[in-house]
């Protein structure tokens, strides 16, 4: 009998956090303005994964 693997967070949330980290890297760390990251987060990432 196979045992189910225990996941701390769901696959969808893990993908969401990975995309958030990639977006943060591309916008904030590469020298762009924080307003661009805030706009991307509020307009694209958050509604897609958390609303």
PDB file of N, CA and C in Angstrom:
ATOM      1  N   UNK A   1       0.834  -1.180   0.000  1.00  0.00           N
ATOM      2  CA  UNK A   1       0.000   0.000   0.000  1.00  0.00           C
ATOM      3  C   UNK A   1       0.883   1.249   0.000  1.00  0.00           C
ATOM      4  N   UNK A   2       0.628   2.122  -0.952  1.00  0.00           N
ATOM      5  CA  UNK A   2       1.421   3.344  -1.044  1.00  0.00           C
ATOM      6  C   UNK A   2       0.916   4.381  -0.058  1.00  0.00           C
ATOM      7  N   UNK A   3       1.854   5.109   0.481  1.00  0.00           N
ATOM      8  CA  UNK A   3       1.510   6.155   1.437  1.00  0.00           C
ATOM      9  C   UNK A   3       1.477   7.506   0.726  1.00  0.00           C
ATOM     10  N   UNK A   4       0.469   8.303   1.030  1.00  0.00           N
ATOM     11  CA  UNK A   4       0.362   9.622   0.417  1.00  0.00           C
ATOM     12  C   UNK A   4       1.435  10.541   0.967  1.00  0.00           C
ATOM     13  N   UNK A   5       1.967  11.367   0.093  1.00  0.00           N
ATOM     14  CA  UNK A   5       2.947  12.353   0.534  1.00  0.00           C
ATOM     15  C   UNK A   5       2.217  13.529   1.171  1.00  0.00           C
ATOM     16  N   UNK A   6       2.777  14.003   2.246  1.00  0.00           N
ATOM     17  CA  UNK A   6       2.188  15.135   2.949  1.00  0.00           C
ATOM     18  C   UNK A   6       2.746  16.426   2.369  1.00  0.00           C
ATOM     19  N   UNK A   7       1.869  17.331   1.971  1.00  0.00           N
ATOM     20  CA  UNK A   7       2.286  18.624   1.425  1.00  0.00           C
ATOM     21  C   UNK A   7       1.933  19.719   2.416  1.00  0.00           C
ATOM     22  N   UNK A   8       2.903  20.571   2.718  1.00  0.00           N
ATOM     23  CA  UNK A   8       2.639  21.688   3.619  1.00  0.00           C
ATOM     24  C   UNK A   8       1.772  22.743   2.956  1.00  0.00           C
ATOM     25  N   UNK A   9       2.041  23.019   1.684  1.00  0.00           N
ATOM     26  CA  UNK A   9       1.213  23.959   0.936  1.00  0.00           C
ATOM     27  C   UNK A   9       0.809  23.301  -0.371  1.00  0.00           C
ATOM     28  N   UNK A  10      -0.265  23.780  -0.940  1.00  0.00           N
ATOM     29  CA  UNK A  10      -0.762  23.177  -2.168  1.00  0.00           C
ATOM     30  C   UNK A  10       0.147  23.508  -3.347  1.00  0.00           C
ATOM     31  N   UNK A  11       0.001  22.750  -4.397  1.00  0.00           N
ATOM     32  CA  UNK A  11       0.799  22.969  -5.610  1.00  0.00           C
ATOM     33  C   UNK A  11       0.536  24.355  -6.185  1.00  0.00           C
ATOM     34  N   UNK A  12      -0.727  24.777  -6.189  1.00  0.00           N
ATOM     35  CA  UNK A  12      -1.076  26.096  -6.730  1.00  0.00           C
ATOM     36  C   UNK A  12      -0.379  27.209  -5.949  1.00  0.00           C
ATOM     37  N   UNK A  13      -0.349  27.086  -4.625  1.00  0.00           N
ATOM     38  CA  UNK A  13       0.302  28.116  -3.818  1.00  0.00           C
ATOM     39  C   UNK A  13       1.809  28.087  -3.994  1.00  0.00           C
ATOM     40  N   UNK A  14       2.391  26.921  -4.157  1.00  0.00           N
ATOM     41  CA  UNK A  14       3.837  26.865  -4.368  1.00  0.00           C
ATOM     42  C   UNK A  14       4.211  27.518  -5.695  1.00  0.00           C
ATOM     43  N   UNK A  15       3.397  27.309  -6.726  1.00  0.00           N
ATOM     44  CA  UNK A  15       3.627  27.970  -8.013  1.00  0.00           C
ATOM     45  C   UNK A  15       3.462  29.477  -7.861  1.00  0.00           C
ATOM     46  N   UNK A  16       2.460  29.886  -7.100  1.00  0.00           N
ATOM     47  CA  UNK A  16       2.219  31.315  -6.886  1.00  0.00           C
ATOM     48  C   UNK A  16       3.399  31.972  -6.185  1.00  0.00           C
ATOM     49  N   UNK A  17       3.927  31.344  -5.155  1.00  0.00           N
ATOM     50  CA  UNK A  17       5.067  31.922  -4.443  1.00  0.00           C
ATOM     51  C   UNK A  17       6.316  31.958  -5.317  1.00  0.00           C
ATOM     52  N   UNK A  18       6.491  30.946  -6.154  1.00  0.00           N
ATOM     53  CA  UNK A  18       7.640  30.948  -7.057  1.00  0.00           C
ATOM     54  C   UNK A  18       7.530  32.099  -8.061  1.00  0.00           C
ATOM     55  N   UNK A  19       6.324  32.309  -8.606  1.00  0.00           N
ATOM     56  CA  UNK A  19       6.128  33.416  -9.536  1.00  0.00           C
ATOM     57  C   UNK A  19       6.293  34.762  -8.848  1.00  0.00           C
ATOM     58  N   UNK A  20       5.869  34.856  -7.592  1.00  0.00           N
ATOM     59  CA  UNK A  20       6.060  36.095  -6.839  1.00  0.00           C
ATOM     60  C   UNK A  20       7.547  36.387  -6.670  1.00  0.00           C
ATOM     61  N   UNK A  21       8.325  35.372  -6.345  1.00  0.00           N
ATOM     62  CA  UNK A  21       9.772  35.558  -6.189  1.00  0.00           C
ATOM     63  C   UNK A  21      10.420  35.955  -7.513  1.00  0.00           C
ATOM     64  N   UNK A  22      10.002  35.327  -8.608  1.00  0.00           N
ATOM     65  CA  UNK A  22      10.551  35.676  -9.917  1.00  0.00           C
ATOM     66  C   UNK A  22      10.174  37.097 -10.310  1.00  0.00           C
ATOM     67  N   UNK A  23       8.944  37.499 -10.022  1.00  0.00           N
ATOM     68  CA  UNK A  23       8.515  38.868 -10.315  1.00  0.00           C
ATOM     69  C   UNK A  23       9.276  39.876  -9.486  1.00  0.00           C
ATOM     70  N   UNK A  24       9.487  39.552  -8.226  1.00  0.00           N
ATOM     71  CA  UNK A  24      10.264  40.426  -7.350  1.00  0.00           C
ATOM     72  C   UNK A  24      11.682  40.564  -7.893  1.00  0.00           C
ATOM     73  N   UNK A  25      12.280  39.463  -8.298  1.00  0.00           N
ATOM     74  CA  UNK A  25      13.642  39.493  -8.834  1.00  0.00           C
ATOM     75  C   UNK A  25      13.697  40.345 -10.105  1.00  0.00           C
ATOM     76  N   UNK A  26      12.771  40.129 -11.021  1.00  0.00           N
ATOM     77  CA  UNK A  26      12.806  40.828 -12.308  1.00  0.00           C
ATOM     78  C   UNK A  26      12.559  42.324 -12.166  1.00  0.00           C
ATOM     79  N   UNK A  27      11.716  42.722 -11.242  1.00  0.00           N
ATOM     80  CA  UNK A  27      11.334  44.128 -11.145  1.00  0.00           C
ATOM     81  C   UNK A  27      12.137  44.870 -10.094  1.00  0.00           C
ATOM     82  N   UNK A  28      12.194  44.374  -8.882  1.00  0.00           N
ATOM     83  CA  UNK A  28      12.796  45.125  -7.777  1.00  0.00           C
ATOM     84  C   UNK A  28      14.316  45.020  -7.750  1.00  0.00           C
ATOM     85  N   UNK A  29      14.852  43.834  -7.890  1.00  0.00           N
ATOM     86  CA  UNK A  29      16.288  43.647  -7.709  1.00  0.00           C
ATOM     87  C   UNK A  29      17.080  44.095  -8.937  1.00  0.00           C
ATOM     88  N   UNK A  30      16.502  44.006 -10.112  1.00  0.00           N
ATOM     89  CA  UNK A  30      17.224  44.410 -11.315  1.00  0.00           C
ATOM     90  C   UNK A  30      17.282  45.927 -11.488  1.00  0.00           C
ATOM     91  N   UNK A  31      16.824  46.681 -10.517  1.00  0.00           N
ATOM     92  CA  UNK A  31      17.003  48.124 -10.554  1.00  0.00           C
ATOM     93  C   UNK A  31      15.813  48.919 -11.036  1.00  0.00           C
ATOM     94  N   UNK A  32      14.687  48.291 -11.190  1.00  0.00           N
ATOM     95  CA  UNK A  32      13.509  49.043 -11.602  1.00  0.00           C
ATOM     96  C   UNK A  32      12.829  49.639 -10.377  1.00  0.00           C
ATOM     97  N   UNK A  33      11.901  50.517 -10.617  1.00  0.00           N
ATOM     98  CA  UNK A  33      11.247  51.232  -9.523  1.00  0.00           C
ATOM     99  C   UNK A  33      10.270  50.314  -8.787  1.00  0.00           C
ATOM    100  N   UNK A  34      10.142  50.531  -7.474  1.00  0.00           N
ATOM    101  CA  UNK A  34       9.248  49.724  -6.642  1.00  0.00           C
ATOM    102  C   UNK A  34       7.799  49.826  -7.096  1.00  0.00           C
ATOM    103  N   UNK A  35       7.426  50.949  -7.674  1.00  0.00           N
ATOM    104  CA  UNK A  35       6.044  51.116  -8.135  1.00  0.00           C
ATOM    105  C   UNK A  35       5.697  50.096  -9.212  1.00  0.00           C
ATOM    106  N   UNK A  36       6.675  49.703 -10.017  1.00  0.00           N
ATOM    107  CA  UNK A  36       6.419  48.684 -11.038  1.00  0.00           C
ATOM    108  C   UNK A  36       6.098  47.336 -10.395  1.00  0.00           C
ATOM    109  N   UNK A  37       6.847  46.983  -9.345  1.00  0.00           N
ATOM    110  CA  UNK A  37       6.567  45.727  -8.650  1.00  0.00           C
ATOM    111  C   UNK A  37       5.199  45.777  -7.980  1.00  0.00           C
ATOM    112  N   UNK A  38       4.888  46.908  -7.342  1.00  0.00           N
ATOM    113  CA  UNK A  38       3.591  47.057  -6.675  1.00  0.00           C
ATOM    114  C   UNK A  38       2.458  46.925  -7.686  1.00  0.00           C
ATOM    115  N   UNK A  39       2.593  47.559  -8.840  1.00  0.00           N
ATOM    116  CA  UNK A  39       1.569  47.474  -9.884  1.00  0.00           C
ATOM    117  C   UNK A  39       1.425  46.033 -10.378  1.00  0.00           C
ATOM    118  N   UNK A  40       2.546  45.375 -10.669  1.00  0.00           N
ATOM    119  CA  UNK A  40       2.495  43.988 -11.135  1.00  0.00           C
ATOM    120  C   UNK A  40       1.833  43.093 -10.095  1.00  0.00           C
ATOM    121  N   UNK A  41       2.197  43.304  -8.819  1.00  0.00           N
ATOM    122  CA  UNK A  41       1.643  42.489  -7.739  1.00  0.00           C
ATOM    123  C   UNK A  41       0.137  42.684  -7.600  1.00  0.00           C
ATOM    124  N   UNK A  42      -0.303  43.937  -7.577  1.00  0.00           N
ATOM    125  CA  UNK A  42      -1.716  44.227  -7.337  1.00  0.00           C
ATOM    126  C   UNK A  42      -2.599  43.932  -8.541  1.00  0.00           C
ATOM    127  N   UNK A  43      -2.095  44.187  -9.743  1.00  0.00           N
ATOM    128  CA  UNK A  43      -2.926  44.049 -10.938  1.00  0.00           C
ATOM    129  C   UNK A  43      -2.875  42.661 -11.574  1.00  0.00           C
ATOM    130  N   UNK A  44      -1.770  41.956 -11.410  1.00  0.00           N
ATOM    131  CA  UNK A  44      -1.624  40.682 -12.105  1.00  0.00           C
ATOM    132  C   UNK A  44      -1.508  39.492 -11.176  1.00  0.00           C
ATOM    133  N   UNK A  45      -0.580  39.519 -10.251  1.00  0.00           N
ATOM    134  CA  UNK A  45      -0.313  38.333  -9.442  1.00  0.00           C
ATOM    135  C   UNK A  45      -1.399  38.063  -8.415  1.00  0.00           C
ATOM    136  N   UNK A  46      -1.745  39.063  -7.612  1.00  0.00           N
ATOM    137  CA  UNK A  46      -2.701  38.850  -6.522  1.00  0.00           C
ATOM    138  C   UNK A  46      -4.079  38.411  -7.020  1.00  0.00           C
ATOM    139  N   UNK A  47      -4.672  39.081  -8.011  1.00  0.00           N
ATOM    140  CA  UNK A  47      -5.989  38.615  -8.482  1.00  0.00           C
ATOM    141  C   UNK A  47      -5.956  37.208  -9.082  1.00  0.00           C
ATOM    142  N   UNK A  48      -4.839  36.857  -9.704  1.00  0.00           N
ATOM    143  CA  UNK A  48      -4.743  35.545 -10.340  1.00  0.00           C
ATOM    144  C   UNK A  48      -4.709  34.424  -9.311  1.00  0.00           C
ATOM    145  N   UNK A  49      -4.027  34.645  -8.189  1.00  0.00           N
ATOM    146  CA  UNK A  49      -3.831  33.562  -7.235  1.00  0.00           C
ATOM    147  C   UNK A  49      -4.623  33.688  -5.940  1.00  0.00           C
ATOM    148  N   UNK A  50      -5.007  34.884  -5.539  1.00  0.00           N
ATOM    149  CA  UNK A  50      -5.612  35.012  -4.218  1.00  0.00           C
ATOM    150  C   UNK A  50      -7.020  35.597  -4.201  1.00  0.00           C
ATOM    151  N   UNK A  51      -7.575  35.929  -5.328  1.00  0.00           N
ATOM    152  CA  UNK A  51      -8.946  36.461  -5.333  1.00  0.00           C
ATOM    153  C   UNK A  51      -9.921  35.486  -5.928  1.00  0.00           C
TER     154      UNK A  51
END
